[in-house]
Amino acid sequence: MSIRRHKLIALALAVVAAGSLAGCGNDPEAGPGARLIGGVLKSKAKGGSGSGKVTPANADPAALIPIALRAVRGPVMLAVVESRNAIAMMGRSMVNGAYETWTTASKQTLTFKSGILVETRGLGDDLMHAQVDGVAALVRARRGGKAHREMHFLDGEGKTYAITFECTVSPGPAQALAIGNLGISSRRMDETCDSGTGRSIGNTYWVAGDGHIWQSRQWVSPGVGYLVTQQLRR
């Protein structure tokens, strides 16, 4: 495939993602995934100061999403950084056991372990690595309980520091997800964490019966804030 063709597909996916999900924000029939991501995008469109926004107001998501998914092979994920005017389509670039790495066209990466974010690169104030096995076990089993998480970052001098959290995982309601042309039965799982030093975070996951996390809202770092992801195809 030519470089020009790659660029056209990347642009098409960006337009589809921004247009279709932003357009779902006020749809009472939209699933929780569309409302979550649509709300993020709508708030950025109203108040964001970034440039290069993609806002195809007349896009038909029902028609465009399947076309975009047919244009690109393999798993596809949508990622939104809430604190920025930033949305990206990502392809899965590596699988190593429970670890999956997803990459944007500009080489930013997200790495998940069993669906829980453990590394980012290229976002600025990146999450260098995280220990989340206890959280992952509870979330994937859709079971409540307590777990420990430890997250490592770089400070302004290039030195690593850690924030440790004690977390409570709680099952939420069963929720049907509408993701592209997929209908998925899921249960929302809520994770609330406290560091004991004044920082608290809350993560949310939508988990299918087989333990697969189809979408999530997860805290990345003090500088990045929250990342919303939705897997459009496994």
C-alpha atoms as a PDB file:
ATOM      1  CA  MET A   1       0.000   0.000   0.000  1.00  0.00           C
ATOM      2  CA  SER A   2       1.327   3.446  -0.900  1.00  0.00           C
ATOM      3  CA  ILE A   3       2.239   6.131   1.643  1.00  0.00           C
ATOM      4  CA  ARG A   4      -0.498   8.320   0.204  1.00  0.00           C
ATOM      5  CA  ARG A   5      -3.043   5.526   0.739  1.00  0.00           C
ATOM      6  CA  HIS A   6      -1.914   5.116   4.370  1.00  0.00           C
ATOM      7  CA  LYS A   7      -2.392   8.854   4.959  1.00  0.00           C
ATOM      8  CA  LEU A   8      -5.849   8.840   3.385  1.00  0.00           C
ATOM      9  CA  ILE A   9      -6.965   5.940   5.582  1.00  0.00           C
ATOM     10  CA  ALA A  10      -5.589   7.621   8.707  1.00  0.00           C
ATOM     11  CA  LEU A  11      -7.460  10.821   7.842  1.00  0.00           C
ATOM     12  CA  ALA A  12     -10.666   8.911   7.131  1.00  0.00           C
ATOM     13  CA  LEU A  13     -10.454   7.152  10.493  1.00  0.00           C
ATOM     14  CA  ALA A  14      -9.896  10.438  12.310  1.00  0.00           C
ATOM     15  CA  VAL A  15     -12.938  11.965  10.643  1.00  0.00           C
ATOM     16  CA  VAL A  16     -15.082   8.911  11.395  1.00  0.00           C
ATOM     17  CA  ALA A  17     -14.050   8.789  15.036  1.00  0.00           C
ATOM     18  CA  ALA A  18     -14.489  12.476  15.763  1.00  0.00           C
ATOM     19  CA  GLY A  19     -17.690  12.881  13.820  1.00  0.00           C
ATOM     20  CA  SER A  20     -19.536   9.741  14.842  1.00  0.00           C
ATOM     21  CA  LEU A  21     -18.758   9.700  18.542  1.00  0.00           C
ATOM     22  CA  ALA A  22     -19.088  13.428  19.063  1.00  0.00           C
ATOM     23  CA  GLY A  23     -22.479  13.219  17.409  1.00  0.00           C
ATOM     24  CA  CYS A  24     -23.684  10.612  19.911  1.00  0.00           C
ATOM     25  CA  GLY A  25     -23.340  12.818  22.979  1.00  0.00           C
ATOM     26  CA  ASN A  26     -27.031  13.789  23.249  1.00  0.00           C
ATOM     27  CA  ASP A  27     -28.581  10.643  21.764  1.00  0.00           C
ATOM     28  CA  PRO A  28     -30.859   9.090  24.418  1.00  0.00           C
ATOM     29  CA  GLU A  29     -30.588   5.756  22.619  1.00  0.00           C
ATOM     30  CA  ALA A  30     -26.782   5.799  22.546  1.00  0.00           C
ATOM     31  CA  GLY A  31     -25.005   3.272  24.716  1.00  0.00           C
ATOM     32  CA  PRO A  32     -22.816   4.294  27.656  1.00  0.00           C
ATOM     33  CA  GLY A  33     -19.692   4.136  25.505  1.00  0.00           C
ATOM     34  CA  ALA A  34     -21.031   6.604  22.959  1.00  0.00           C
ATOM     35  CA  ARG A  35     -22.261   8.932  25.699  1.00  0.00           C
ATOM     36  CA  LEU A  36     -18.945   8.785  27.570  1.00  0.00           C
ATOM     37  CA  ILE A  37     -16.705   9.500  24.591  1.00  0.00           C
ATOM     38  CA  GLY A  38     -19.241  11.770  22.921  1.00  0.00           C
ATOM     39  CA  GLY A  39     -19.408  13.895  26.054  1.00  0.00           C
ATOM     40  CA  VAL A  40     -15.642  14.279  26.152  1.00  0.00           C
ATOM     41  CA  LEU A  41     -15.479  15.332  22.526  1.00  0.00           C
ATOM     42  CA  LYS A  42     -18.432  17.699  22.797  1.00  0.00           C
ATOM     43  CA  SER A  43     -16.907  19.498  25.773  1.00  0.00           C
ATOM     44  CA  LYS A  44     -13.626  19.910  23.882  1.00  0.00           C
ATOM     45  CA  ALA A  45     -15.422  21.192  20.788  1.00  0.00           C
ATOM     46  CA  LYS A  46     -17.137  23.875  22.873  1.00  0.00           C
ATOM     47  CA  GLY A  47     -14.290  24.938  25.106  1.00  0.00           C
ATOM     48  CA  GLY A  48     -11.080  23.452  23.742  1.00  0.00           C
ATOM     49  CA  SER A  49      -8.357  25.761  22.545  1.00  0.00           C
ATOM     50  CA  GLY A  50      -6.415  23.301  20.410  1.00  0.00           C
ATOM     51  CA  SER A  51      -6.140  23.498  16.649  1.00  0.00           C
ATOM     52  CA  GLY A  52      -6.808  20.936  13.949  1.00  0.00           C
ATOM     53  CA  LYS A  53     -10.214  19.813  15.206  1.00  0.00           C
ATOM     54  CA  VAL A  54     -12.146  17.422  12.990  1.00  0.00           C
ATOM     55  CA  THR A  55     -15.858  18.229  13.146  1.00  0.00           C
ATOM     56  CA  PRO A  56     -17.785  16.701  10.223  1.00  0.00           C
ATOM     57  CA  ALA A  57     -21.219  17.774  11.402  1.00  0.00           C
ATOM     58  CA  ASN A  58     -23.129  15.813   8.769  1.00  0.00           C
ATOM     59  CA  ALA A  59     -21.246  12.510   9.099  1.00  0.00           C
ATOM     60  CA  ASP A  60     -23.423   9.391   9.329  1.00  0.00           C
ATOM     61  CA  PRO A  61     -21.748   7.161  11.944  1.00  0.00           C
ATOM     62  CA  ALA A  62     -23.791   4.099  11.017  1.00  0.00           C
ATOM     63  CA  ALA A  63     -22.384   4.256   7.492  1.00  0.00           C
ATOM     64  CA  LEU A  64     -18.870   5.574   8.116  1.00  0.00           C
ATOM     65  CA  ILE A  65     -17.647   3.366  10.964  1.00  0.00           C
ATOM     66  CA  PRO A  66     -18.053   0.058   9.064  1.00  0.00           C
ATOM     67  CA  ILE A  67     -16.328   1.593   6.029  1.00  0.00           C
ATOM     68  CA  ALA A  68     -13.396   2.731   8.164  1.00  0.00           C
ATOM     69  CA  LEU A  69     -13.094  -0.646   9.861  1.00  0.00           C
ATOM     70  CA  ARG A  70     -13.059  -2.399   6.489  1.00  0.00           C
ATOM     71  CA  ALA A  71     -10.274  -0.082   5.327  1.00  0.00           C
ATOM     72  CA  VAL A  72      -7.868  -1.128   8.087  1.00  0.00           C
ATOM     73  CA  ARG A  73      -7.000  -4.697   8.995  1.00  0.00           C
ATOM     74  CA  GLY A  74      -6.654  -6.000  12.526  1.00  0.00           C
ATOM     75  CA  PRO A  75      -7.733  -4.646  15.907  1.00  0.00           C
ATOM     76  CA  VAL A  76      -8.631  -0.960  16.145  1.00  0.00           C
ATOM     77  CA  MET A  77      -8.953   1.259  19.232  1.00  0.00           C
ATOM     78  CA  LEU A  78     -10.140   4.822  19.754  1.00  0.00           C
ATOM     79  CA  ALA A  79      -8.322   6.845  22.434  1.00  0.00           C
ATOM     80  CA  VAL A  80      -9.226  10.261  23.860  1.00  0.00           C
ATOM     81  CA  VAL A  81      -7.138  12.306  26.324  1.00  0.00           C
ATOM     82  CA  GLU A  82      -9.753  14.202  28.320  1.00  0.00           C
ATOM     83  CA  SER A  83      -7.540  17.099  29.392  1.00  0.00           C
ATOM     84  CA  ARG A  84      -6.459  17.921  25.829  1.00  0.00           C
ATOM     85  CA  ASN A  85      -8.003  18.366  22.438  1.00  0.00           C
ATOM     86  CA  ALA A  86      -6.592  14.950  21.518  1.00  0.00           C
ATOM     87  CA  ILE A  87      -8.229  11.987  19.828  1.00  0.00           C
ATOM     88  CA  ALA A  88      -6.495   9.150  17.991  1.00  0.00           C
ATOM     89  CA  MET A  89      -7.194   5.875  16.260  1.00  0.00           C
ATOM     90  CA  MET A  90      -4.731   3.176  17.312  1.00  0.00           C
ATOM     91  CA  GLY A  91      -3.706  -0.177  15.896  1.00  0.00           C
ATOM     92  CA  ARG A  92      -2.430  -3.067  17.998  1.00  0.00           C
ATOM     93  CA  SER A  93       1.284  -3.349  17.308  1.00  0.00           C
ATOM     94  CA  MET A  94       2.427  -6.020  19.763  1.00  0.00           C
ATOM     95  CA  VAL A  95       1.068  -8.815  21.949  1.00  0.00           C
ATOM     96  CA  ASN A  96       3.251 -10.443  24.603  1.00  0.00           C
ATOM     97  CA  GLY A  97       1.208 -12.701  26.849  1.00  0.00           C
ATOM     98  CA  ALA A  98      -1.144 -10.521  28.881  1.00  0.00           C
ATOM     99  CA  TYR A  99       0.468  -7.330  27.500  1.00  0.00           C
ATOM    100  CA  GLU A 100      -0.904  -5.501  24.458  1.00  0.00           C
ATOM    101  CA  THR A 101       0.697  -2.414  22.937  1.00  0.00           C
ATOM    102  CA  TRP A 102      -1.300  -0.032  20.744  1.00  0.00           C
ATOM    103  CA  THR A 103       0.307   2.599  18.515  1.00  0.00           C
ATOM    104  CA  THR A 104      -0.840   5.786  16.774  1.00  0.00           C
ATOM    105  CA  ALA A 105       0.362   6.926  13.370  1.00  0.00           C
ATOM    106  CA  SER A 106       2.726   9.338  15.181  1.00  0.00           C
ATOM    107  CA  LYS A 107       4.240   6.483  17.248  1.00  0.00           C
ATOM    108  CA  GLN A 108       2.623   7.265  20.589  1.00  0.00           C
ATOM    109  CA  THR A 109       1.962   4.030  22.445  1.00  0.00           C
ATOM    110  CA  LEU A 110      -0.305   2.660  25.141  1.00  0.00           C
ATOM    111  CA  THR A 111       0.456  -0.671  26.793  1.00  0.00           C
ATOM    112  CA  PHE A 112      -2.187  -2.592  28.720  1.00  0.00           C
ATOM    113  CA  LYS A 113      -1.855  -5.668  30.915  1.00  0.00           C
ATOM    114  CA  SER A 114      -5.076  -7.657  30.886  1.00  0.00           C
ATOM    115  CA  GLY A 115      -6.844  -4.468  29.819  1.00  0.00           C
ATOM    116  CA  ILE A 116      -5.381  -2.249  32.565  1.00  0.00           C
ATOM    117  CA  LEU A 117      -3.088   0.593  31.448  1.00  0.00           C
ATOM    118  CA  VAL A 118       0.517  -0.005  32.569  1.00  0.00           C
ATOM    119  CA  GLU A 119       2.669   2.157  30.240  1.00  0.00           C
ATOM    120  CA  THR A 120       2.414   5.167  27.939  1.00  0.00           C
ATOM    121  CA  ARG A 121       5.012   6.696  25.662  1.00  0.00           C
ATOM    122  CA  GLY A 122       4.881   9.962  23.743  1.00  0.00           C
ATOM    123  CA  LEU A 123       2.105  11.636  25.751  1.00  0.00           C
ATOM    124  CA  GLY A 124       4.344  13.746  27.967  1.00  0.00           C
ATOM    125  CA  ASP A 125       4.384  13.029  31.723  1.00  0.00           C
ATOM    126  CA  ASP A 126       4.183   9.376  30.741  1.00  0.00           C
ATOM    127  CA  LEU A 127       3.296   6.446  32.918  1.00  0.00           C
ATOM    128  CA  MET A 128       6.581   4.521  32.890  1.00  0.00           C
ATOM    129  CA  HIS A 129       5.171   1.309  34.326  1.00  0.00           C
ATOM    130  CA  ALA A 130       2.561   0.109  36.790  1.00  0.00           C
ATOM    131  CA  GLN A 131       1.853  -2.912  38.952  1.00  0.00           C
ATOM    132  CA  VAL A 132      -1.847  -3.716  38.638  1.00  0.00           C
ATOM    133  CA  ASP A 133      -2.232  -7.500  38.918  1.00  0.00           C
ATOM    134  CA  GLY A 134      -4.640  -7.367  41.861  1.00  0.00           C
ATOM    135  CA  VAL A 135      -6.829  -4.766  40.176  1.00  0.00           C
ATOM    136  CA  ALA A 136      -6.837  -6.675  36.882  1.00  0.00           C
ATOM    137  CA  ALA A 137      -7.885  -9.921  38.547  1.00  0.00           C
ATOM    138  CA  LEU A 138     -10.895  -8.306  40.223  1.00  0.00           C
ATOM    139  CA  VAL A 139     -11.971  -6.238  37.215  1.00  0.00           C
ATOM    140  CA  ARG A 140     -11.753  -9.106  34.729  1.00  0.00           C
ATOM    141  CA  ALA A 141     -13.643 -11.427  37.081  1.00  0.00           C
ATOM    142  CA  ARG A 142     -16.261  -8.669  37.503  1.00  0.00           C
ATOM    143  CA  ARG A 143     -15.876  -9.126  41.255  1.00  0.00           C
ATOM    144  CA  GLY A 144     -15.606  -6.602  44.059  1.00  0.00           C
ATOM    145  CA  GLY A 145     -12.690  -6.416  46.440  1.00  0.00           C
ATOM    146  CA  LYS A 146      -9.600  -4.517  47.513  1.00  0.00           C
ATOM    147  CA  ALA A 147      -6.274  -4.356  45.666  1.00  0.00           C
ATOM    148  CA  HIS A 148      -3.000  -2.474  45.592  1.00  0.00           C
ATOM    149  CA  ARG A 149      -1.655  -0.553  42.601  1.00  0.00           C
ATOM    150  CA  GLU A 150       1.733   1.102  42.154  1.00  0.00           C
ATOM    151  CA  MET A 151       2.433   3.596  39.363  1.00  0.00           C
ATOM    152  CA  HIS A 152       5.850   4.923  38.345  1.00  0.00           C
ATOM    153  CA  PHE A 153       6.616   8.261  36.649  1.00  0.00           C
ATOM    154  CA  LEU A 154       9.547  10.514  35.767  1.00  0.00           C
ATOM    155  CA  ASP A 155      10.013  13.832  37.528  1.00  0.00           C
ATOM    156  CA  GLY A 156      11.371  17.012  35.916  1.00  0.00           C
ATOM    157  CA  GLU A 157      14.943  15.853  36.542  1.00  0.00           C
ATOM    158  CA  GLY A 158      14.466  12.499  34.855  1.00  0.00           C
ATOM    159  CA  LYS A 159      14.254  10.577  38.130  1.00  0.00           C
ATOM    160  CA  THR A 160      11.648   7.889  38.706  1.00  0.00           C
ATOM    161  CA  TYR A 161       9.119   8.277  41.490  1.00  0.00           C
ATOM    162  CA  ALA A 162       6.172   6.099  42.486  1.00  0.00           C
ATOM    163  CA  ILE A 163       2.641   6.712  43.700  1.00  0.00           C
ATOM    164  CA  THR A 164       1.057   3.781  45.504  1.00  0.00           C
ATOM    165  CA  PHE A 165      -2.697   3.418  45.918  1.00  0.00           C
ATOM    166  CA  GLU A 166      -5.014   1.255  47.938  1.00  0.00           C
ATOM    167  CA  CYS A 167      -8.007   0.560  45.739  1.00  0.00           C
ATOM    168  CA  THR A 168     -11.535  -0.744  46.026  1.00  0.00           C
ATOM    169  CA  VAL A 169     -13.119  -2.416  43.006  1.00  0.00           C
ATOM    170  CA  SER A 170     -16.932  -2.472  42.913  1.00  0.00           C
ATOM    171  CA  PRO A 171     -19.310  -4.040  40.380  1.00  0.00           C
ATOM    172  CA  GLY A 172     -21.685  -1.591  38.756  1.00  0.00           C
ATOM    173  CA  PRO A 173     -24.777  -2.217  36.648  1.00  0.00           C
ATOM    174  CA  ALA A 174     -24.993  -4.392  33.573  1.00  0.00           C
ATOM    175  CA  GLN A 175     -24.801  -2.165  30.501  1.00  0.00           C
ATOM    176  CA  ALA A 176     -25.225  -2.872  26.796  1.00  0.00           C
ATOM    177  CA  LEU A 177     -22.522  -1.266  24.654  1.00  0.00           C
ATOM    178  CA  ALA A 178     -23.030  -0.162  21.053  1.00  0.00           C
ATOM    179  CA  ILE A 179     -19.566  -0.004  19.510  1.00  0.00           C
ATOM    180  CA  GLY A 180     -19.618   0.518  15.757  1.00  0.00           C
ATOM    181  CA  ASN A 181     -21.737  -2.334  14.448  1.00  0.00           C
ATOM    182  CA  LEU A 182     -21.199  -4.449  17.573  1.00  0.00           C
ATOM    183  CA  GLY A 183     -23.676  -4.969  20.381  1.00  0.00           C
ATOM    184  CA  ILE A 184     -21.872  -6.070  23.545  1.00  0.00           C
ATOM    185  CA  SER A 185     -23.246  -7.097  26.929  1.00  0.00           C
ATOM    186  CA  SER A 186     -21.009  -5.736  29.669  1.00  0.00           C
ATOM    187  CA  ARG A 187     -20.843  -4.903  33.327  1.00  0.00           C
ATOM    188  CA  ARG A 188     -19.417  -1.618  34.516  1.00  0.00           C
ATOM    189  CA  MET A 189     -16.653  -1.995  37.091  1.00  0.00           C
ATOM    190  CA  ASP A 190     -15.589   0.965  39.228  1.00  0.00           C
ATOM    191  CA  GLU A 191     -12.162   1.299  40.832  1.00  0.00           C
ATOM    192  CA  THR A 192     -11.618   3.972  43.485  1.00  0.00           C
ATOM    193  CA  CYS A 193      -8.087   4.506  44.796  1.00  0.00           C
ATOM    194  CA  ASP A 194      -6.469   6.592  47.507  1.00  0.00           C
ATOM    195  CA  SER A 195      -2.755   7.212  47.936  1.00  0.00           C
ATOM    196  CA  GLY A 196      -2.968   8.150  51.602  1.00  0.00           C
ATOM    197  CA  THR A 197      -1.137  11.383  50.766  1.00  0.00           C
ATOM    198  CA  GLY A 198      -3.987  13.453  49.390  1.00  0.00           C
ATOM    199  CA  ARG A 199      -4.347  12.035  45.878  1.00  0.00           C
ATOM    200  CA  SER A 200      -7.336   9.962  44.875  1.00  0.00           C
ATOM    201  CA  ILE A 201      -8.320   8.604  41.464  1.00  0.00           C
ATOM    202  CA  GLY A 202     -11.244   6.716  39.991  1.00  0.00           C
ATOM    203  CA  ASN A 203     -11.151   4.349  37.018  1.00  0.00           C
ATOM    204  CA  THR A 204     -14.077   2.764  35.193  1.00  0.00           C
ATOM    205  CA  TYR A 205     -14.140  -0.334  33.003  1.00  0.00           C
ATOM    206  CA  TRP A 206     -16.803  -1.991  30.864  1.00  0.00           C
ATOM    207  CA  VAL A 207     -16.173  -5.734  30.968  1.00  0.00           C
ATOM    208  CA  ALA A 208     -17.751  -8.491  28.884  1.00  0.00           C
ATOM    209  CA  GLY A 209     -18.634 -11.892  30.298  1.00  0.00           C
ATOM    210  CA  ASP A 210     -15.356 -13.381  29.080  1.00  0.00           C
ATOM    211  CA  GLY A 211     -13.371 -10.782  31.054  1.00  0.00           C
ATOM    212  CA  HIS A 212     -12.450  -8.651  28.049  1.00  0.00           C
ATOM    213  CA  ILE A 213     -12.388  -4.901  28.752  1.00  0.00           C
ATOM    214  CA  TRP A 214     -14.028  -3.231  25.745  1.00  0.00           C
ATOM    215  CA  GLN A 215     -13.794   0.304  26.993  1.00  0.00           C
ATOM    216  CA  SER A 216     -12.406   2.183  29.954  1.00  0.00           C
ATOM    217  CA  ARG A 217     -11.639   5.513  31.557  1.00  0.00           C
ATOM    218  CA  GLN A 218      -8.266   5.286  33.300  1.00  0.00           C
ATOM    219  CA  TRP A 219      -5.980   7.771  35.042  1.00  0.00           C
ATOM    220  CA  VAL A 220      -2.574   8.064  33.365  1.00  0.00           C
ATOM    221  CA  SER A 221      -0.468  10.550  35.357  1.00  0.00           C
ATOM    222  CA  PRO A 222      -0.639  13.932  37.125  1.00  0.00           C
ATOM    223  CA  GLY A 223       0.167  15.770  33.894  1.00  0.00           C
ATOM    224  CA  VAL A 224      -1.999  13.784  31.474  1.00  0.00           C
ATOM    225  CA  GLY A 225      -5.067  13.067  33.575  1.00  0.00           C
ATOM    226  CA  TYR A 226      -7.612  10.603  32.238  1.00  0.00           C
ATOM    227  CA  LEU A 227      -7.578   8.511  29.085  1.00  0.00           C
ATOM    228  CA  VAL A 228     -10.785   7.122  27.561  1.00  0.00           C
ATOM    229  CA  THR A 229     -10.413   4.111  25.297  1.00  0.00           C
ATOM    230  CA  GLN A 230     -12.892   2.106  23.274  1.00  0.00           C
ATOM    231  CA  GLN A 231     -11.901  -0.969  21.301  1.00  0.00           C
ATOM    232  CA  LEU A 232     -13.738  -0.954  17.988  1.00  0.00           C
ATOM    233  CA  ARG A 233     -12.527  -4.395  16.919  1.00  0.00           C
ATOM    234  CA  ARG A 234     -10.643  -7.185  18.712  1.00  0.00           C
END
